[in-house]
Amino acid sequence: MAYQISDACISCGSCAGECPVGAISEGDGKYQIDAGACLDCGSCAGACPMGAISQE
């Protein structure tokens, strides 16, 4: 199941650089994860200083 970014995202970009497949991009007001490309590795969640990324 793909990871998701909540509204707690502050658009710092820390997660995007950690994604090995480039599934994270800047969205409207927060970053977003392409669920189809997400490998469910969790690298992004570990990099988020706000704890805004979780697995749904």
N, C-alpha and C. Protein backbone atom coordinates (compact mmCIF):
# COMPACT_ATOMS: atom_id res chain seq x y z
N MET A 1 0.84 -1.18 0.00
CA MET A 1 0.00 0.00 0.00
C MET A 1 0.89 1.25 0.00
N ALA A 2 0.60 2.19 -0.83
CA ALA A 2 1.42 3.38 -1.00
C ALA A 2 1.38 4.30 0.22
N TYR A 3 2.46 5.03 0.39
CA TYR A 3 2.52 6.04 1.44
C TYR A 3 1.75 7.27 0.99
N GLN A 4 1.29 8.06 1.95
CA GLN A 4 0.56 9.29 1.65
C GLN A 4 1.10 10.41 2.52
N ILE A 5 0.99 11.63 2.00
CA ILE A 5 1.45 12.81 2.72
C ILE A 5 0.24 13.58 3.21
N SER A 6 0.21 13.85 4.51
CA SER A 6 -0.94 14.53 5.11
C SER A 6 -0.81 16.06 5.00
N ASP A 7 -1.82 16.74 5.49
CA ASP A 7 -1.83 18.20 5.47
C ASP A 7 -0.81 18.80 6.42
N ALA A 8 -0.16 17.98 7.23
CA ALA A 8 0.89 18.47 8.13
C ALA A 8 2.17 18.81 7.36
N CYS A 9 2.22 18.48 6.08
CA CYS A 9 3.38 18.75 5.22
C CYS A 9 3.66 20.25 5.16
N ILE A 10 4.92 20.62 5.34
CA ILE A 10 5.32 22.03 5.27
C ILE A 10 6.09 22.33 3.97
N SER A 11 6.04 21.41 3.02
CA SER A 11 6.68 21.57 1.71
C SER A 11 8.17 21.85 1.79
N CYS A 12 8.85 21.15 2.69
CA CYS A 12 10.29 21.36 2.85
C CYS A 12 11.10 20.60 1.80
N GLY A 13 10.52 19.54 1.24
CA GLY A 13 11.19 18.78 0.19
C GLY A 13 12.12 17.68 0.67
N SER A 14 12.22 17.48 1.96
CA SER A 14 13.11 16.45 2.49
C SER A 14 12.77 15.07 1.97
N CYS A 15 11.51 14.79 1.81
CA CYS A 15 11.07 13.48 1.36
C CYS A 15 11.41 13.20 -0.10
N ALA A 16 11.27 14.20 -0.94
CA ALA A 16 11.46 14.02 -2.39
C ALA A 16 12.86 13.52 -2.72
N GLY A 17 13.86 14.01 -2.04
CA GLY A 17 15.23 13.60 -2.29
C GLY A 17 15.53 12.19 -1.83
N GLU A 18 14.71 11.65 -0.95
CA GLU A 18 14.92 10.30 -0.43
C GLU A 18 14.24 9.22 -1.25
N CYS A 19 13.30 9.58 -2.10
CA CYS A 19 12.55 8.58 -2.87
C CYS A 19 13.43 8.01 -3.98
N PRO A 20 13.67 6.69 -3.95
CA PRO A 20 14.56 6.07 -4.94
C PRO A 20 13.97 6.01 -6.35
N VAL A 21 12.66 6.21 -6.49
CA VAL A 21 12.04 6.14 -7.81
C VAL A 21 11.43 7.46 -8.26
N GLY A 22 11.64 8.53 -7.51
CA GLY A 22 11.13 9.84 -7.89
C GLY A 22 9.61 9.94 -7.89
N ALA A 23 8.97 9.23 -6.98
CA ALA A 23 7.50 9.21 -6.92
C ALA A 23 6.92 10.41 -6.18
N ILE A 24 7.77 11.29 -5.64
CA ILE A 24 7.28 12.42 -4.86
C ILE A 24 7.53 13.71 -5.62
N SER A 25 6.48 14.53 -5.70
CA SER A 25 6.60 15.81 -6.40
C SER A 25 5.87 16.89 -5.62
N GLU A 26 6.21 18.13 -5.92
CA GLU A 26 5.58 19.25 -5.24
C GLU A 26 4.18 19.42 -5.78
N GLY A 27 3.21 19.43 -4.88
CA GLY A 27 1.81 19.59 -5.28
C GLY A 27 1.31 20.96 -4.90
N ASP A 28 0.03 21.09 -4.82
CA ASP A 28 -0.61 22.35 -4.50
C ASP A 28 -0.66 22.53 -2.99
N GLY A 29 0.32 23.21 -2.43
CA GLY A 29 0.37 23.46 -0.99
C GLY A 29 1.09 22.41 -0.17
N LYS A 30 1.37 21.26 -0.75
CA LYS A 30 2.11 20.20 -0.07
C LYS A 30 2.67 19.25 -1.12
N TYR A 31 3.59 18.41 -0.71
CA TYR A 31 4.14 17.42 -1.63
C TYR A 31 3.15 16.27 -1.76
N GLN A 32 3.27 15.51 -2.85
CA GLN A 32 2.36 14.38 -3.07
C GLN A 32 3.14 13.19 -3.59
N ILE A 33 2.60 12.01 -3.35
CA ILE A 33 3.23 10.76 -3.75
C ILE A 33 2.39 10.10 -4.84
N ASP A 34 3.04 9.72 -5.92
CA ASP A 34 2.37 8.98 -6.99
C ASP A 34 2.22 7.54 -6.51
N ALA A 35 1.00 7.15 -6.16
CA ALA A 35 0.75 5.82 -5.59
C ALA A 35 1.14 4.70 -6.54
N GLY A 36 1.05 4.92 -7.82
CA GLY A 36 1.40 3.91 -8.79
C GLY A 36 2.89 3.66 -8.89
N ALA A 37 3.68 4.65 -8.54
CA ALA A 37 5.14 4.53 -8.62
C ALA A 37 5.78 4.20 -7.27
N CYS A 38 5.07 4.43 -6.18
CA CYS A 38 5.60 4.21 -4.83
C CYS A 38 5.95 2.74 -4.62
N LEU A 39 7.15 2.50 -4.10
CA LEU A 39 7.63 1.14 -3.82
C LEU A 39 7.32 0.67 -2.40
N ASP A 40 6.71 1.53 -1.61
CA ASP A 40 6.41 1.22 -0.20
C ASP A 40 7.66 0.97 0.62
N CYS A 41 8.75 1.64 0.29
CA CYS A 41 10.01 1.42 1.00
C CYS A 41 10.09 2.18 2.32
N GLY A 42 9.35 3.30 2.44
CA GLY A 42 9.34 4.07 3.68
C GLY A 42 10.46 5.06 3.84
N SER A 43 11.32 5.20 2.86
CA SER A 43 12.43 6.16 2.96
C SER A 43 11.93 7.57 3.18
N CYS A 44 10.85 7.91 2.53
CA CYS A 44 10.29 9.26 2.64
C CYS A 44 9.79 9.54 4.06
N ALA A 45 9.11 8.56 4.65
CA ALA A 45 8.56 8.74 5.99
C ALA A 45 9.66 8.99 7.01
N GLY A 46 10.78 8.31 6.85
CA GLY A 46 11.89 8.50 7.76
C GLY A 46 12.56 9.84 7.62
N ALA A 47 12.41 10.47 6.45
CA ALA A 47 13.05 11.75 6.19
C ALA A 47 12.19 12.95 6.55
N CYS A 48 10.92 12.73 6.79
CA CYS A 48 9.99 13.84 7.05
C CYS A 48 10.14 14.37 8.48
N PRO A 49 10.52 15.65 8.63
CA PRO A 49 10.69 16.20 9.98
C PRO A 49 9.36 16.45 10.70
N MET A 50 8.26 16.44 9.96
CA MET A 50 6.95 16.71 10.55
C MET A 50 6.15 15.44 10.82
N GLY A 51 6.65 14.30 10.40
CA GLY A 51 5.90 13.06 10.56
C GLY A 51 4.62 13.05 9.74
N ALA A 52 4.66 13.74 8.60
CA ALA A 52 3.46 13.90 7.78
C ALA A 52 3.23 12.76 6.78
N ILE A 53 4.12 11.78 6.77
CA ILE A 53 3.99 10.70 5.79
C ILE A 53 3.70 9.39 6.50
N SER A 54 2.64 8.73 6.05
CA SER A 54 2.26 7.45 6.66
C SER A 54 1.75 6.51 5.58
N GLN A 55 1.70 5.26 5.94
CA GLN A 55 1.20 4.25 5.01
C GLN A 55 -0.28 4.06 5.27
N GLU A 56 -1.08 4.19 4.27
CA GLU A 56 -2.54 4.07 4.40
C GLU A 56 -2.98 2.67 4.14
